[in-house]
Protein backbone atom coordinates (compact mmCIF):
# COMPACT_ATOMS: atom_id res chain seq x y z
CA MET A 1 74.58 135.81 136.71
CA GLN A 2 75.85 133.62 139.51
CA GLY A 3 74.49 131.36 142.21
CA GLN A 4 74.87 127.99 143.84
CA VAL A 5 72.62 125.24 142.54
CA ILE A 6 72.55 122.10 144.66
CA VAL A 7 71.76 118.86 142.85
CA ARG A 8 71.28 115.32 144.09
CA PHE A 9 71.88 112.29 141.91
CA VAL A 10 72.24 108.53 142.03
CA VAL A 11 75.31 106.71 140.79
CA GLU A 12 74.07 103.60 138.99
CA ARG A 13 75.81 100.21 139.10
CA ASP A 14 77.51 100.89 135.79
CA GLY A 15 78.88 104.22 137.07
CA SER A 16 76.45 106.39 135.15
CA VAL A 17 74.51 109.22 136.76
CA GLY A 18 70.75 109.01 137.10
CA ASP A 19 67.76 110.40 138.99
CA ILE A 20 69.08 113.97 139.08
CA LYS A 21 67.02 116.28 141.26
CA LEU A 22 67.45 119.95 142.05
CA VAL A 23 67.69 120.33 145.82
CA ARG A 24 68.15 124.10 145.75
CA PRO A 25 67.31 125.68 142.40
CA VAL A 26 68.36 129.28 141.72
CA HIS A 27 67.32 130.35 138.23
CA PRO A 28 66.09 128.32 135.25
CA LEU A 29 69.27 129.03 133.24
CA LEU A 30 71.60 128.01 136.05
CA ASP A 31 69.44 125.05 137.01
CA SER A 32 69.43 123.61 133.49
CA LYS A 33 73.21 123.99 133.19
CA ALA A 34 73.75 122.26 136.55
CA VAL A 35 71.64 119.29 135.44
CA ARG A 36 73.43 119.09 132.08
CA VAL A 37 76.86 119.16 133.73
CA SER A 38 75.79 116.49 136.24
CA TYR A 39 75.10 114.06 133.39
CA LYS A 40 78.62 114.67 132.04
CA LEU A 41 80.50 114.05 135.30
CA PRO A 42 83.36 111.60 134.87
CA LEU A 43 82.56 109.08 137.59
CA ASN A 44 84.77 106.11 138.34
CA PHE A 45 82.93 104.33 141.11
CA ALA A 46 82.98 100.57 141.56
CA LEU A 47 80.35 98.77 143.60
CA ASN A 48 81.40 95.55 145.27
């Protein structure tokens, strides 16, 4: 199975990911994996 799932998320002040939304879902299995991976992204943003 393959496809392109598009997700949108917010980077919080502490650099964590929140408010993940599926913009273009494909299939429940792919969608759930995309959301799970989004929470594990290593983000190093700093807000001034």
